[in-house]
Amino acid sequence: MLQEYTAVIKQDEGVWIGWIEEVPGVNCQETTRETLLASLRITLAEAL
């Protein structure tokens, strides 16, 4: 069974920031949206 998580992403002054709501401490900052999503996936996998 796959677990689903909520990624919150925002662009602020040219930088993309994001975090996973259900897992404290999983947050990232990148220059592109695509890179941010990849970083969030990696960081979430490491946290789990």
N, C-alpha and C. Protein backbone atom coordinates (compact mmCIF):
# COMPACT_ATOMS: atom_id res chain seq x y z
N MET A 1 0.83 -1.18 0.00
CA MET A 1 0.00 0.00 0.00
C MET A 1 0.88 1.25 0.00
N LEU A 2 0.57 2.19 -0.85
CA LEU A 2 1.34 3.43 -0.93
C LEU A 2 0.79 4.46 0.05
N GLN A 3 1.69 5.13 0.73
CA GLN A 3 1.32 6.21 1.63
C GLN A 3 1.37 7.51 0.85
N GLU A 4 0.42 8.38 1.05
CA GLU A 4 0.42 9.68 0.38
C GLU A 4 0.79 10.77 1.37
N TYR A 5 1.54 11.76 0.87
CA TYR A 5 1.98 12.89 1.68
C TYR A 5 1.64 14.17 0.96
N THR A 6 1.49 15.24 1.72
CA THR A 6 1.14 16.54 1.17
C THR A 6 2.38 17.43 1.09
N ALA A 7 2.75 17.81 -0.13
CA ALA A 7 3.87 18.72 -0.33
C ALA A 7 3.31 20.13 -0.52
N VAL A 8 3.79 21.05 0.30
CA VAL A 8 3.42 22.46 0.16
C VAL A 8 4.60 23.14 -0.50
N ILE A 9 4.36 23.81 -1.63
CA ILE A 9 5.45 24.49 -2.33
C ILE A 9 5.06 25.93 -2.62
N LYS A 10 6.05 26.80 -2.53
CA LYS A 10 5.83 28.23 -2.78
C LYS A 10 7.07 28.80 -3.45
N GLN A 11 6.84 29.84 -4.24
CA GLN A 11 7.96 30.56 -4.83
C GLN A 11 8.07 31.90 -4.12
N ASP A 12 9.28 32.20 -3.65
CA ASP A 12 9.51 33.43 -2.90
C ASP A 12 10.79 34.09 -3.38
N GLU A 13 10.66 35.20 -4.06
CA GLU A 13 11.81 35.98 -4.56
C GLU A 13 12.76 35.13 -5.40
N GLY A 14 12.19 34.36 -6.32
CA GLY A 14 13.00 33.58 -7.24
C GLY A 14 13.48 32.25 -6.71
N VAL A 15 13.14 31.92 -5.47
CA VAL A 15 13.56 30.65 -4.87
C VAL A 15 12.30 29.85 -4.55
N TRP A 16 12.36 28.56 -4.80
CA TRP A 16 11.25 27.67 -4.47
C TRP A 16 11.50 27.04 -3.12
N ILE A 17 10.51 27.10 -2.24
CA ILE A 17 10.60 26.47 -0.93
C ILE A 17 9.44 25.48 -0.79
N GLY A 18 9.67 24.44 -0.02
CA GLY A 18 8.62 23.45 0.15
C GLY A 18 8.87 22.58 1.36
N TRP A 19 7.79 21.93 1.81
CA TRP A 19 7.88 21.02 2.94
C TRP A 19 6.77 19.98 2.83
N ILE A 20 6.94 18.92 3.60
CA ILE A 20 5.94 17.86 3.68
C ILE A 20 5.18 18.07 4.99
N GLU A 21 3.88 18.30 4.89
CA GLU A 21 3.08 18.63 6.08
C GLU A 21 3.08 17.53 7.13
N GLU A 22 3.03 16.29 6.72
CA GLU A 22 2.88 15.19 7.67
C GLU A 22 4.17 14.78 8.38
N VAL A 23 5.32 15.25 7.90
CA VAL A 23 6.60 14.82 8.47
C VAL A 23 7.43 16.05 8.85
N PRO A 24 7.48 16.38 10.12
CA PRO A 24 8.27 17.54 10.55
C PRO A 24 9.74 17.40 10.15
N GLY A 25 10.34 18.48 9.73
CA GLY A 25 11.75 18.48 9.38
C GLY A 25 12.03 18.19 7.92
N VAL A 26 11.02 17.81 7.16
CA VAL A 26 11.23 17.56 5.73
C VAL A 26 10.89 18.85 5.00
N ASN A 27 11.92 19.65 4.74
CA ASN A 27 11.75 20.90 4.02
C ASN A 27 12.99 21.15 3.17
N CYS A 28 12.78 21.84 2.05
CA CYS A 28 13.86 22.06 1.09
C CYS A 28 13.72 23.43 0.44
N GLN A 29 14.81 23.86 -0.16
CA GLN A 29 14.83 25.12 -0.91
C GLN A 29 15.68 24.90 -2.15
N GLU A 30 15.13 25.25 -3.32
CA GLU A 30 15.83 25.05 -4.59
C GLU A 30 15.53 26.21 -5.54
N THR A 31 16.25 26.26 -6.66
CA THR A 31 16.07 27.34 -7.62
C THR A 31 14.98 27.06 -8.65
N THR A 32 14.61 25.78 -8.82
CA THR A 32 13.53 25.44 -9.75
C THR A 32 12.50 24.55 -9.06
N ARG A 33 11.29 24.57 -9.57
CA ARG A 33 10.21 23.75 -9.00
C ARG A 33 10.52 22.26 -9.14
N GLU A 34 11.03 21.87 -10.29
CA GLU A 34 11.34 20.47 -10.54
C GLU A 34 12.41 19.95 -9.59
N THR A 35 13.44 20.75 -9.38
CA THR A 35 14.51 20.37 -8.46
C THR A 35 13.98 20.30 -7.03
N LEU A 36 13.11 21.21 -6.68
CA LEU A 36 12.50 21.19 -5.34
C LEU A 36 11.73 19.90 -5.12
N LEU A 37 10.89 19.51 -6.07
CA LEU A 37 10.11 18.29 -5.91
C LEU A 37 11.02 17.06 -5.77
N ALA A 38 12.08 17.02 -6.55
CA ALA A 38 13.04 15.90 -6.45
C ALA A 38 13.71 15.89 -5.07
N SER A 39 14.10 17.06 -4.58
CA SER A 39 14.74 17.16 -3.27
C SER A 39 13.79 16.75 -2.15
N LEU A 40 12.52 17.14 -2.27
CA LEU A 40 11.54 16.76 -1.27
C LEU A 40 11.35 15.24 -1.25
N ARG A 41 11.31 14.62 -2.42
CA ARG A 41 11.16 13.16 -2.48
C ARG A 41 12.34 12.46 -1.79
N ILE A 42 13.54 12.93 -2.08
CA ILE A 42 14.75 12.34 -1.49
C ILE A 42 14.76 12.55 0.02
N THR A 43 14.48 13.76 0.45
CA THR A 43 14.50 14.08 1.87
C THR A 43 13.43 13.29 2.64
N LEU A 44 12.26 13.15 2.04
CA LEU A 44 11.19 12.36 2.67
C LEU A 44 11.61 10.90 2.79
N ALA A 45 12.18 10.34 1.74
CA ALA A 45 12.62 8.95 1.77
C ALA A 45 13.67 8.73 2.87
N GLU A 46 14.59 9.69 3.03
CA GLU A 46 15.61 9.59 4.07
C GLU A 46 15.00 9.70 5.47
N ALA A 47 13.97 10.54 5.62
CA ALA A 47 13.32 10.73 6.91
C ALA A 47 12.51 9.51 7.34
N LEU A 48 11.98 8.80 6.34
CA LEU A 48 11.15 7.63 6.66
C LEU A 48 12.02 6.42 6.95
